[in-house]
């Protein structure tokens, strides 16, 4: 698959896991990363539209693929997305917040804890997002990236 085909396939839920597109994204890592970053930027800027388009999944695939790639450029974008006030980020990501956000943040932050700490300290953030940020620190300690 070429990059536009991968992006198109990952953007919307067609009722099945797009294995070929995910494998192609991984195989074309350097070319797909800018497109995945754009998906997160779009979801952040147009979160209300993403909420209305329940079948839009591009941002979720982007979170996971960029975490797998340990792409540090995704770190501020992911934090910006989940720092949108209110519960909308959790609404458009479902269980990602409670099940996976901690590992996603830990995978993309490198050793830069500043944005994770900012999320933890932001009393206006949705409580489960703050909890995921705390649990990201636990992941980093467990993996030996930072000391206790």
C-alpha atoms as a PDB file:
ATOM      1  CA  UNK A   1       0.000   0.000   0.000  1.00  0.00           C
ATOM      2  CA  UNK A   2       1.180   3.526  -0.676  1.00  0.00           C
ATOM      3  CA  UNK A   3       1.054   6.286   1.953  1.00  0.00           C
ATOM      4  CA  UNK A   4      -2.263   7.870   0.854  1.00  0.00           C
ATOM      5  CA  UNK A   5      -3.920   4.432   0.840  1.00  0.00           C
ATOM      6  CA  UNK A   6      -2.578   3.684   4.318  1.00  0.00           C
ATOM      7  CA  UNK A   7      -3.835   7.031   5.643  1.00  0.00           C
ATOM      8  CA  UNK A   8      -7.253   6.579   4.061  1.00  0.00           C
ATOM      9  CA  UNK A   9      -7.607   3.060   5.451  1.00  0.00           C
ATOM     10  CA  UNK A  10      -6.545   4.050   8.963  1.00  0.00           C
ATOM     11  CA  UNK A  11      -8.710   7.176   9.051  1.00  0.00           C
ATOM     12  CA  UNK A  12     -12.105   5.501   9.325  1.00  0.00           C
ATOM     13  CA  UNK A  13     -13.435   2.370  10.988  1.00  0.00           C
ATOM     14  CA  UNK A  14     -14.691  -0.003   8.327  1.00  0.00           C
ATOM     15  CA  UNK A  15     -15.745  -2.664  10.826  1.00  0.00           C
ATOM     16  CA  UNK A  16     -12.529  -4.670  10.769  1.00  0.00           C
ATOM     17  CA  UNK A  17      -8.942  -4.308  11.935  1.00  0.00           C
ATOM     18  CA  UNK A  18      -6.919  -2.920   8.982  1.00  0.00           C
ATOM     19  CA  UNK A  19      -3.991  -5.314   9.399  1.00  0.00           C
ATOM     20  CA  UNK A  20      -2.518  -4.690   5.951  1.00  0.00           C
ATOM     21  CA  UNK A  21      -2.569  -0.921   6.465  1.00  0.00           C
ATOM     22  CA  UNK A  22      -0.957  -1.217   9.904  1.00  0.00           C
ATOM     23  CA  UNK A  23       1.759  -3.521   8.561  1.00  0.00           C
ATOM     24  CA  UNK A  24       2.342  -1.131   5.659  1.00  0.00           C
ATOM     25  CA  UNK A  25       2.536   1.818   8.061  1.00  0.00           C
ATOM     26  CA  UNK A  26       5.173   0.006  10.102  1.00  0.00           C
ATOM     27  CA  UNK A  27       7.107  -0.932   6.967  1.00  0.00           C
ATOM     28  CA  UNK A  28       7.015   2.712   5.805  1.00  0.00           C
ATOM     29  CA  UNK A  29       7.745   4.232   9.186  1.00  0.00           C
ATOM     30  CA  UNK A  30       9.674   7.318   8.067  1.00  0.00           C
ATOM     31  CA  UNK A  31       7.113   8.226   5.403  1.00  0.00           C
ATOM     32  CA  UNK A  32       4.028   7.609   7.547  1.00  0.00           C
ATOM     33  CA  UNK A  33       5.142   9.477  10.688  1.00  0.00           C
ATOM     34  CA  UNK A  34       4.359  12.967   9.291  1.00  0.00           C
ATOM     35  CA  UNK A  35       0.913  11.757   8.244  1.00  0.00           C
ATOM     36  CA  UNK A  36       0.226  10.264  11.670  1.00  0.00           C
ATOM     37  CA  UNK A  37       1.262  13.523  13.320  1.00  0.00           C
ATOM     38  CA  UNK A  38      -1.172  15.356  11.031  1.00  0.00           C
ATOM     39  CA  UNK A  39      -3.969  13.003  12.105  1.00  0.00           C
ATOM     40  CA  UNK A  40      -3.412  13.963  15.732  1.00  0.00           C
ATOM     41  CA  UNK A  41      -3.263  17.652  14.852  1.00  0.00           C
ATOM     42  CA  UNK A  42      -6.527  17.332  12.920  1.00  0.00           C
ATOM     43  CA  UNK A  43      -8.233  15.489  15.790  1.00  0.00           C
ATOM     44  CA  UNK A  44      -7.073  18.179  18.223  1.00  0.00           C
ATOM     45  CA  UNK A  45      -8.165  21.114  16.073  1.00  0.00           C
ATOM     46  CA  UNK A  46     -11.465  19.521  15.042  1.00  0.00           C
ATOM     47  CA  UNK A  47     -12.324  17.483  18.127  1.00  0.00           C
ATOM     48  CA  UNK A  48     -16.021  18.325  17.969  1.00  0.00           C
ATOM     49  CA  UNK A  49     -16.172  17.133  14.356  1.00  0.00           C
ATOM     50  CA  UNK A  50     -14.257  13.979  15.319  1.00  0.00           C
ATOM     51  CA  UNK A  51     -16.822  13.422  18.053  1.00  0.00           C
ATOM     52  CA  UNK A  52     -19.636  13.694  15.514  1.00  0.00           C
ATOM     53  CA  UNK A  53     -17.829  11.350  13.089  1.00  0.00           C
ATOM     54  CA  UNK A  54     -17.902   8.335  15.373  1.00  0.00           C
ATOM     55  CA  UNK A  55     -16.218   6.189  12.724  1.00  0.00           C
ATOM     56  CA  UNK A  56     -13.076   8.379  12.583  1.00  0.00           C
ATOM     57  CA  UNK A  57     -10.203   6.328  14.023  1.00  0.00           C
ATOM     58  CA  UNK A  58      -7.123   8.003  12.548  1.00  0.00           C
ATOM     59  CA  UNK A  59      -6.032   9.640  15.771  1.00  0.00           C
ATOM     60  CA  UNK A  60      -6.244   6.365  17.690  1.00  0.00           C
ATOM     61  CA  UNK A  61      -4.141   4.461  15.167  1.00  0.00           C
ATOM     62  CA  UNK A  62      -1.741   7.405  15.175  1.00  0.00           C
ATOM     63  CA  UNK A  63      -1.358   7.277  18.978  1.00  0.00           C
ATOM     64  CA  UNK A  64      -0.490   3.596  18.949  1.00  0.00           C
ATOM     65  CA  UNK A  65       1.782   3.610  15.909  1.00  0.00           C
ATOM     66  CA  UNK A  66       3.711   6.655  17.079  1.00  0.00           C
ATOM     67  CA  UNK A  67       4.075   5.054  20.506  1.00  0.00           C
ATOM     68  CA  UNK A  68       5.411   1.905  18.852  1.00  0.00           C
ATOM     69  CA  UNK A  69       7.875   4.050  16.910  1.00  0.00           C
ATOM     70  CA  UNK A  70       8.774   5.936  20.124  1.00  0.00           C
ATOM     71  CA  UNK A  71       8.322   9.138  18.138  1.00  0.00           C
ATOM     72  CA  UNK A  72       9.181  12.071  20.396  1.00  0.00           C
ATOM     73  CA  UNK A  73       7.572  14.606  18.043  1.00  0.00           C
ATOM     74  CA  UNK A  74       4.233  13.051  18.970  1.00  0.00           C
ATOM     75  CA  UNK A  75       4.669  13.817  22.673  1.00  0.00           C
ATOM     76  CA  UNK A  76       3.492  17.456  22.692  1.00  0.00           C
ATOM     77  CA  UNK A  77       0.739  16.683  20.181  1.00  0.00           C
ATOM     78  CA  UNK A  78      -0.651  13.844  22.276  1.00  0.00           C
ATOM     79  CA  UNK A  79      -0.459  15.967  25.422  1.00  0.00           C
ATOM     80  CA  UNK A  80      -2.225  18.850  23.622  1.00  0.00           C
ATOM     81  CA  UNK A  81      -4.981  16.515  22.467  1.00  0.00           C
ATOM     82  CA  UNK A  82      -5.602  15.091  25.926  1.00  0.00           C
ATOM     83  CA  UNK A  83      -5.306  18.550  27.529  1.00  0.00           C
ATOM     84  CA  UNK A  84      -8.403  19.842  25.781  1.00  0.00           C
ATOM     85  CA  UNK A  85     -10.718  20.904  28.622  1.00  0.00           C
ATOM     86  CA  UNK A  86     -13.635  18.688  29.519  1.00  0.00           C
ATOM     87  CA  UNK A  87     -14.203  15.047  28.822  1.00  0.00           C
ATOM     88  CA  UNK A  88     -14.264  15.237  25.024  1.00  0.00           C
ATOM     89  CA  UNK A  89     -10.775  13.729  24.540  1.00  0.00           C
ATOM     90  CA  UNK A  90     -11.897  10.700  26.543  1.00  0.00           C
ATOM     91  CA  UNK A  91     -15.159  10.534  24.602  1.00  0.00           C
ATOM     92  CA  UNK A  92     -13.389  10.323  21.236  1.00  0.00           C
ATOM     93  CA  UNK A  93     -10.820   7.788  22.388  1.00  0.00           C
ATOM     94  CA  UNK A  94     -12.916   5.449  24.520  1.00  0.00           C
ATOM     95  CA  UNK A  95     -10.907   3.060  26.663  1.00  0.00           C
ATOM     96  CA  UNK A  96      -7.583   4.427  25.386  1.00  0.00           C
ATOM     97  CA  UNK A  97      -7.508   6.852  28.328  1.00  0.00           C
ATOM     98  CA  UNK A  98      -7.941   4.227  31.029  1.00  0.00           C
ATOM     99  CA  UNK A  99      -6.190   1.312  29.346  1.00  0.00           C
ATOM    100  CA  UNK A 100      -3.367   2.638  27.166  1.00  0.00           C
ATOM    101  CA  UNK A 101      -2.653   6.359  27.538  1.00  0.00           C
ATOM    102  CA  UNK A 102      -0.093   5.745  30.270  1.00  0.00           C
ATOM    103  CA  UNK A 103       2.001   3.512  28.007  1.00  0.00           C
ATOM    104  CA  UNK A 104       1.536   5.809  25.017  1.00  0.00           C
ATOM    105  CA  UNK A 105       2.841   8.794  26.995  1.00  0.00           C
ATOM    106  CA  UNK A 106       5.730   6.759  28.397  1.00  0.00           C
ATOM    107  CA  UNK A 107       6.665   5.598  24.898  1.00  0.00           C
ATOM    108  CA  UNK A 108       6.808   9.033  23.289  1.00  0.00           C
ATOM    109  CA  UNK A 109       8.219  11.209  26.079  1.00  0.00           C
ATOM    110  CA  UNK A 110      11.789   9.936  26.057  1.00  0.00           C
ATOM    111  CA  UNK A 111      13.040  11.210  29.396  1.00  0.00           C
ATOM    112  CA  UNK A 112      11.208  14.529  29.191  1.00  0.00           C
ATOM    113  CA  UNK A 113       8.734  14.452  32.051  1.00  0.00           C
ATOM    114  CA  UNK A 114       7.744  18.113  31.862  1.00  0.00           C
ATOM    115  CA  UNK A 115       4.525  17.649  29.906  1.00  0.00           C
ATOM    116  CA  UNK A 116       3.476  14.583  31.874  1.00  0.00           C
ATOM    117  CA  UNK A 117       3.994  16.504  35.115  1.00  0.00           C
ATOM    118  CA  UNK A 118       2.028  19.419  33.686  1.00  0.00           C
ATOM    119  CA  UNK A 119      -0.877  17.052  32.972  1.00  0.00           C
ATOM    120  CA  UNK A 120      -0.719  15.597  36.479  1.00  0.00           C
ATOM    121  CA  UNK A 121      -0.783  19.048  38.064  1.00  0.00           C
ATOM    122  CA  UNK A 122      -3.573  20.446  35.874  1.00  0.00           C
ATOM    123  CA  UNK A 123      -6.647  20.270  38.092  1.00  0.00           C
ATOM    124  CA  UNK A 124      -8.860  21.185  35.145  1.00  0.00           C
ATOM    125  CA  UNK A 125      -8.026  18.002  33.239  1.00  0.00           C
ATOM    126  CA  UNK A 126     -10.373  15.055  33.241  1.00  0.00           C
ATOM    127  CA  UNK A 127      -9.398  12.918  36.247  1.00  0.00           C
ATOM    128  CA  UNK A 128      -8.780   9.736  34.264  1.00  0.00           C
ATOM    129  CA  UNK A 129      -6.367  11.583  31.967  1.00  0.00           C
ATOM    130  CA  UNK A 130      -4.463  12.866  35.009  1.00  0.00           C
ATOM    131  CA  UNK A 131      -4.437   9.319  36.368  1.00  0.00           C
ATOM    132  CA  UNK A 132      -2.987   8.030  33.083  1.00  0.00           C
ATOM    133  CA  UNK A 133      -0.219  10.639  33.336  1.00  0.00           C
ATOM    134  CA  UNK A 134       0.612   9.438  36.853  1.00  0.00           C
ATOM    135  CA  UNK A 135       0.643   5.851  35.647  1.00  0.00           C
ATOM    136  CA  UNK A 136       2.990   6.884  32.805  1.00  0.00           C
ATOM    137  CA  UNK A 137       5.579   7.699  35.464  1.00  0.00           C
ATOM    138  CA  UNK A 138       5.108   4.215  36.919  1.00  0.00           C
ATOM    139  CA  UNK A 139       5.712   2.699  33.475  1.00  0.00           C
ATOM    140  CA  UNK A 140       8.888   4.753  33.080  1.00  0.00           C
ATOM    141  CA  UNK A 141      10.178   3.615  36.491  1.00  0.00           C
ATOM    142  CA  UNK A 142       9.267  -0.014  35.798  1.00  0.00           C
ATOM    143  CA  UNK A 143      11.089   0.112  32.465  1.00  0.00           C
ATOM    144  CA  UNK A 144      14.147   1.702  34.050  1.00  0.00           C
ATOM    145  CA  UNK A 145      13.884   4.888  32.006  1.00  0.00           C
ATOM    146  CA  UNK A 146      13.727   7.049  35.129  1.00  0.00           C
ATOM    147  CA  UNK A 147      14.618   6.333  38.717  1.00  0.00           C
ATOM    148  CA  UNK A 148      12.073   6.063  41.447  1.00  0.00           C
END
